[in-house]
C-alpha atoms as a PDB file:
ATOM      1  CA  MET A   1      70.259 -18.991-133.545  1.00  0.00           C
ATOM      2  CA  ARG A   2      73.383 -19.162-131.539  1.00  0.00           C
ATOM      3  CA  ILE A   3      72.290 -16.474-129.182  1.00  0.00           C
ATOM      4  CA  PRO A   4      69.002 -18.112-128.186  1.00  0.00           C
ATOM      5  CA  LEU A   5      70.837 -21.411-127.674  1.00  0.00           C
ATOM      6  CA  ASN A   6      73.438 -19.723-125.462  1.00  0.00           C
ATOM      7  CA  VAL A   7      70.694 -18.021-123.478  1.00  0.00           C
ATOM      8  CA  MET A   8      68.905 -21.331-123.023  1.00  0.00           C
ATOM      9  CA  PHE A   9      72.063 -23.103-121.816  1.00  0.00           C
ATOM     10  CA  GLY A  10      72.766 -20.225-119.466  1.00  0.00           C
ATOM     11  CA  LEU A  11      69.297 -20.497-117.973  1.00  0.00           C
ATOM     12  CA  LEU A  12      69.660 -24.237-117.556  1.00  0.00           C
ATOM     13  CA  LEU A  13      72.844 -23.683-115.590  1.00  0.00           C
ATOM     14  CA  LEU A  14      71.025 -21.330-113.200  1.00  0.00           C
ATOM     15  CA  VAL A  15      68.256 -23.810-112.347  1.00  0.00           C
ATOM     16  CA  PRO A  16      70.514 -26.082-110.243  1.00  0.00           C
ATOM     17  CA  VAL A  17      71.937 -23.023-108.451  1.00  0.00           C
ATOM     18  CA  PHE A  18      68.431 -21.954-107.353  1.00  0.00           C
ATOM     19  CA  ASN A  19      67.652 -25.467-106.199  1.00  0.00           C
ATOM     20  CA  ARG A  20      70.828 -25.555-104.097  1.00  0.00           C
ATOM     21  CA  ASN A  21      70.036 -22.244-102.420  1.00  0.00           C
ATOM     22  CA  GLU A  22      66.564 -23.415-101.523  1.00  0.00           C
ATOM     23  CA  LEU A  23      67.939 -26.703-100.210  1.00  0.00           C
ATOM     24  CA  SER A  24      70.487 -24.881 -98.047  1.00  0.00           C
ATOM     25  CA  ARG A  25      67.712 -22.615 -96.722  1.00  0.00           C
ATOM     26  CA  VAL A  26      65.690 -25.650 -95.693  1.00  0.00           C
ATOM     27  CA  GLU A  27      68.725 -27.192 -94.008  1.00  0.00           C
ATOM     28  CA  ALA A  28      69.518 -23.944 -92.208  1.00  0.00           C
ATOM     29  CA  ALA A  29      65.933 -23.619 -90.970  1.00  0.00           C
ATOM     30  CA  SER A  30      65.841 -27.171 -89.632  1.00  0.00           C
ATOM     31  CA  GLU A  31      69.247 -26.690 -88.012  1.00  0.00           C
ATOM     32  CA  LYS A  32      68.010 -23.486 -86.346  1.00  0.00           C
ATOM     33  CA  GLN A  33      64.977 -25.325 -85.008  1.00  0.00           C
ATOM     34  CA  SER A  34      67.142 -28.101 -83.584  1.00  0.00           C
ATOM     35  CA  ILE A  35      69.452 -25.552 -81.924  1.00  0.00           C
ATOM     36  CA  THR A  36      66.436 -23.787 -80.440  1.00  0.00           C
ATOM     37  CA  ALA A  37      65.047 -27.097 -79.234  1.00  0.00           C
ATOM     38  CA  ASN A  38      68.378 -27.954 -77.616  1.00  0.00           C
ATOM     39  CA  THR A  39      68.879 -24.577 -75.921  1.00  0.00           C
ATOM     40  CA  ARG A  40      65.356 -24.255 -74.531  1.00  0.00           C
ATOM     41  CA  PRO A  41      65.894 -26.927 -71.828  1.00  0.00           C
ATOM     42  CA  GLN A  42      69.282 -25.406 -71.080  1.00  0.00           C
ATOM     43  CA  GLN A  43      67.713 -21.964 -70.734  1.00  0.00           C
ATOM     44  CA  ASP A  44      65.006 -23.392 -68.494  1.00  0.00           C
ATOM     45  CA  LYS A  45      67.697 -25.008 -66.365  1.00  0.00           C
ATOM     46  CA  ARG A  46      69.609 -21.716 -66.122  1.00  0.00           C
ATOM     47  CA  ASP A  47      66.405 -19.880 -65.140  1.00  0.00           C
ATOM     48  CA  GLU A  48      65.653 -22.496 -62.500  1.00  0.00           C
ATOM     49  CA  GLN A  49      69.199 -22.195 -61.122  1.00  0.00           C
ATOM     50  CA  ALA A  50      68.916 -18.396 -61.005  1.00  0.00           C
ATOM     51  CA  GLN A  51      65.661 -18.679 -59.047  1.00  0.00           C
ATOM     52  CA  GLN A  52      67.244 -21.176 -56.638  1.00  0.00           C
ATOM     53  CA  ASP A  53      70.221 -18.851 -56.144  1.00  0.00           C
ATOM     54  CA  LYS A  54      67.848 -15.997 -55.374  1.00  0.00           C
ATOM     55  CA  ARG A  55      65.969 -18.118 -52.819  1.00  0.00           C
ATOM     56  CA  ASP A  56      69.283 -19.164 -51.230  1.00  0.00           C
ATOM     57  CA  GLU A  57      70.391 -15.547 -51.015  1.00  0.00           C
ATOM     58  CA  GLN A  58      67.102 -14.551 -49.369  1.00  0.00           C
ATOM     59  CA  ALA A  59      67.437 -17.397 -46.859  1.00  0.00           C
ATOM     60  CA  GLN A  60      70.995 -16.325 -46.038  1.00  0.00           C
ATOM     61  CA  GLN A  61      69.838 -12.737 -45.587  1.00  0.00           C
ATOM     62  CA  ALA A  62      67.061 -13.867 -43.241  1.00  0.00           C
ATOM     63  CA  GLU A  63      69.542 -15.993 -41.265  1.00  0.00           C
ATOM     64  CA  ARG A  64      71.911 -13.039 -41.024  1.00  0.00           C
ATOM     65  CA  GLU A  65      69.161 -10.706 -39.799  1.00  0.00           C
ATOM     66  CA  ALA A  66      68.020 -13.230 -37.181  1.00  0.00           C
ATOM     67  CA  TYR A  67      71.605 -13.666 -36.006  1.00  0.00           C
ATOM     68  CA  VAL A  68      72.144  -9.908 -35.694  1.00  0.00           C
ATOM     69  CA  LYS A  69      68.900  -9.542 -33.714  1.00  0.00           C
ATOM     70  CA  SER A  70      69.854 -12.345 -31.324  1.00  0.00           C
ATOM     71  CA  ILE A  71      73.326 -10.932 -30.692  1.00  0.00           C
ATOM     72  CA  GLN A  72      71.902  -7.442 -30.236  1.00  0.00           C
ATOM     73  CA  ALA A  73      69.433  -8.813 -27.673  1.00  0.00           C
ATOM     74  CA  LYS A  74      72.297 -10.472 -25.789  1.00  0.00           C
ATOM     75  CA  LEU A  75      74.274  -7.221 -25.829  1.00  0.00           C
ATOM     76  CA  ASP A  76      71.274  -5.335 -24.467  1.00  0.00           C
ATOM     77  CA  GLU A  77      70.999  -7.942 -21.718  1.00  0.00           C
ATOM     78  CA  TYR A  78      74.678  -7.461 -20.853  1.00  0.00           C
ATOM     79  CA  ASP A  79      74.147  -3.719 -20.758  1.00  0.00           C
ATOM     80  CA  LYS A  80      71.582  -4.232 -18.000  1.00  0.00           C
ATOM     81  CA  LYS A  81      73.826  -6.705 -16.165  1.00  0.00           C
ATOM     82  CA  LEU A  82      76.724  -4.264 -16.264  1.00  0.00           C
ATOM     83  CA  ASP A  83      74.495  -1.508 -14.915  1.00  0.00           C
ATOM     84  CA  VAL A  84      73.657  -3.791 -11.970  1.00  0.00           C
ATOM     85  CA  LEU A  85      77.363  -4.499 -11.420  1.00  0.00           C
ATOM     86  CA  GLU A  86      78.148  -0.780 -11.463  1.00  0.00           C
ATOM     87  CA  ALA A  87      75.415  -0.120  -8.941  1.00  0.00           C
ATOM     88  CA  SER A  88      76.750  -2.811  -6.629  1.00  0.00           C
ATOM     89  CA  ALA A  89      80.321  -1.590  -7.110  1.00  0.00           C
ATOM     90  CA  SER A  90      79.301   1.877  -5.973  1.00  0.00           C
ATOM     91  CA  THR A  91      78.784   0.456  -2.482  1.00  0.00           C
ATOM     92  CA  LEU A  92      82.493  -0.362  -2.336  1.00  0.00           C
ATOM     93  CA  SER A  93      85.166   2.116  -1.429  1.00  0.00           C
ATOM     94  CA  GLY A  94      88.778   2.821  -2.139  1.00  0.00           C
ATOM     95  CA  ALA A  95      90.907   0.558  -4.299  1.00  0.00           C
ATOM     96  CA  GLN A  96      88.236  -2.132  -4.552  1.00  0.00           C
ATOM     97  CA  LYS A  97      85.795   0.340  -6.065  1.00  0.00           C
ATOM     98  CA  ASP A  98      88.380   1.574  -8.569  1.00  0.00           C
ATOM     99  CA  ASP A  99      89.319  -1.990  -9.534  1.00  0.00           C
ATOM    100  CA  PHE A 100      85.712  -2.944 -10.159  1.00  0.00           C
ATOM    101  CA  LYS A 101      85.067   0.206 -12.156  1.00  0.00           C
ATOM    102  CA  LYS A 102      88.040  -0.677 -14.366  1.00  0.00           C
ATOM    103  CA  MET A 103      86.841  -4.264 -14.812  1.00  0.00           C
ATOM    104  CA  ILE A 104      83.353  -3.094 -15.708  1.00  0.00           C
ATOM    105  CA  GLU A 105      84.811  -0.615 -18.182  1.00  0.00           C
ATOM    106  CA  GLN A 106      86.735  -3.483 -19.811  1.00  0.00           C
ATOM    107  CA  LEU A 107      83.483  -5.416 -20.100  1.00  0.00           C
ATOM    108  CA  ARG A 108      81.829  -2.410 -21.751  1.00  0.00           C
ATOM    109  CA  LEU A 109      84.709  -2.196 -24.235  1.00  0.00           C
ATOM    110  CA  GLN A 110      84.259  -5.866 -25.092  1.00  0.00           C
ATOM    111  CA  GLN A 111      80.558  -5.234 -25.552  1.00  0.00           C
ATOM    112  CA  LYS A 112      81.222  -2.287 -27.895  1.00  0.00           C
ATOM    113  CA  SER A 113      83.675  -4.391 -29.870  1.00  0.00           C
ATOM    114  CA  ILE A 114      81.007  -7.040 -30.454  1.00  0.00           C
ATOM    115  CA  ALA A 115      78.506  -4.348 -31.464  1.00  0.00           C
ATOM    116  CA  SER A 116      80.937  -3.018 -34.075  1.00  0.00           C
ATOM    117  CA  ARG A 117      81.421  -6.549 -35.419  1.00  0.00           C
ATOM    118  CA  LEU A 118      77.683  -6.762 -35.952  1.00  0.00           C
ATOM    119  CA  ASN A 119      77.984  -3.973 -38.521  1.00  0.00           C
ATOM    120  CA  TYR A 120      80.419  -6.147 -40.447  1.00  0.00           C
ATOM    121  CA  VAL A 121      78.055  -9.112 -40.176  1.00  0.00           C
ATOM    122  CA  LYS A 122      75.213  -7.090 -41.692  1.00  0.00           C
ATOM    123  CA  ASN A 123      77.223  -6.251 -44.803  1.00  0.00           C
ATOM    124  CA  ALA A 124      79.361  -9.376 -45.157  1.00  0.00           C
ATOM    125  CA  SER A 125      79.372 -11.585 -48.218  1.00  0.00           C
ATOM    126  CA  PRO A 126      78.006 -15.109 -47.720  1.00  0.00           C
ATOM    127  CA  ASP A 127      81.524 -16.539 -47.524  1.00  0.00           C
ATOM    128  CA  ALA A 128      82.731 -13.935 -45.060  1.00  0.00           C
ATOM    129  CA  PHE A 129      79.561 -14.212 -42.956  1.00  0.00           C
ATOM    130  CA  SER A 130      80.530 -17.566 -41.474  1.00  0.00           C
ATOM    131  CA  LEU A 131      83.987 -16.263 -40.515  1.00  0.00           C
ATOM    132  CA  ILE A 132      82.708 -13.043 -38.992  1.00  0.00           C
ATOM    133  CA  LYS A 133      79.923 -14.939 -37.223  1.00  0.00           C
ATOM    134  CA  ALA A 134      82.457 -17.304 -35.659  1.00  0.00           C
ATOM    135  CA  ASP A 135      84.545 -14.321 -34.559  1.00  0.00           C
ATOM    136  CA  ALA A 136      81.523 -12.585 -33.024  1.00  0.00           C
ATOM    137  CA  ASP A 137      80.458 -15.789 -31.258  1.00  0.00           C
ATOM    138  CA  SER A 138      83.941 -16.182 -29.826  1.00  0.00           C
ATOM    139  CA  ALA A 139      83.963 -12.581 -28.611  1.00  0.00           C
ATOM    140  CA  LEU A 140      80.544 -13.077 -27.037  1.00  0.00           C
ATOM    141  CA  ALA A 141      81.791 -16.172 -25.215  1.00  0.00           C
ATOM    142  CA  LYS A 142      84.773 -14.179 -23.919  1.00  0.00           C
ATOM    143  CA  LEU A 143      82.425 -11.441 -22.738  1.00  0.00           C
ATOM    144  CA  GLU A 144      80.327 -14.018 -20.878  1.00  0.00           C
ATOM    145  CA  SER A 145      83.424 -15.506 -19.261  1.00  0.00           C
ATOM    146  CA  SER A 146      84.741 -12.081 -18.257  1.00  0.00           C
ATOM    147  CA  TYR A 147      81.359 -11.099 -16.860  1.00  0.00           C
ATOM    148  CA  GLN A 148      81.221 -14.289 -14.791  1.00  0.00           C
ATOM    149  CA  ASP A 149      84.704 -13.570 -13.432  1.00  0.00           C
ATOM    150  CA  VAL A 150      83.859  -9.997 -12.457  1.00  0.00           C
ATOM    151  CA  SER A 151      80.510 -11.030 -11.040  1.00  0.00           C
ATOM    152  CA  SER A 152      82.089 -13.740  -8.901  1.00  0.00           C
ATOM    153  CA  LYS A 153      84.773 -11.326  -7.653  1.00  0.00           C
ATOM    154  CA  ARG A 154      82.066  -8.847  -6.750  1.00  0.00           C
ATOM    155  CA  SER A 155      80.204 -11.566  -4.831  1.00  0.00           C
ATOM    156  CA  GLU A 156      83.361 -12.481  -2.938  1.00  0.00           C
ATOM    157  CA  THR A 157      83.941  -8.909  -1.823  1.00  0.00           C
ATOM    158  CA  THR A 158      80.401  -8.471  -0.516  1.00  0.00           C
ATOM    159  CA  LEU A 159      80.431 -11.611   1.601  1.00  0.00           C
ATOM    160  CA  PRO A 160      81.020 -10.782   5.227  1.00  0.00           C
ATOM    161  CA  SER A 161      84.373 -11.970   6.419  1.00  0.00           C
ATOM    162  CA  PRO A 162      84.127 -14.507   9.239  1.00  0.00           C
ATOM    163  CA  SER A 163      84.957 -13.111  12.647  1.00  0.00           C
ATOM    164  CA  LYS A 164      87.718 -14.587  14.775  1.00  0.00           C
ATOM    165  CA  ASN A 165      85.180 -15.995  17.238  1.00  0.00           C
ATOM    166  CA  GLN A 166      83.382 -17.959  14.502  1.00  0.00           C
ATOM    167  CA  GLN A 167      86.623 -19.553  13.293  1.00  0.00           C
ATOM    168  CA  LYS A 168      87.281 -21.198  16.661  1.00  0.00           C
END
């Protein structure tokens, strides 16, 4: 009789253990649901942020492409202007002609420098883009100023000098 009584007490001890395991399973399941409920809005927010970042990146890329096209158009315009200057300089002779050829060559070098900077602009990171853009804009302004100087010097040399009779 001792053995069946021992078996019965042993079984009674196991009943609370099974109840505890089931209770902990229920708690774990509800905790998992609450974690899932809490992370879903966070995940949605992260997804939304990733989409916004992608849209921002596309907008920056479009801005960069538009900028490169506008600068390239300006450089093409200067190429034509420099061709006109070269043609007008060919009417000069001697030292004046050589001086103008050198000045025009300097303008072409400035133009090539800006064109090479455009390659950097195309591949620049968003942070570097603003710096490189400012540098390219500055170089373009210098090219414009230099062109105006050379153009005005060319105009001065083509003006007829007043004769001695007209000065009196």
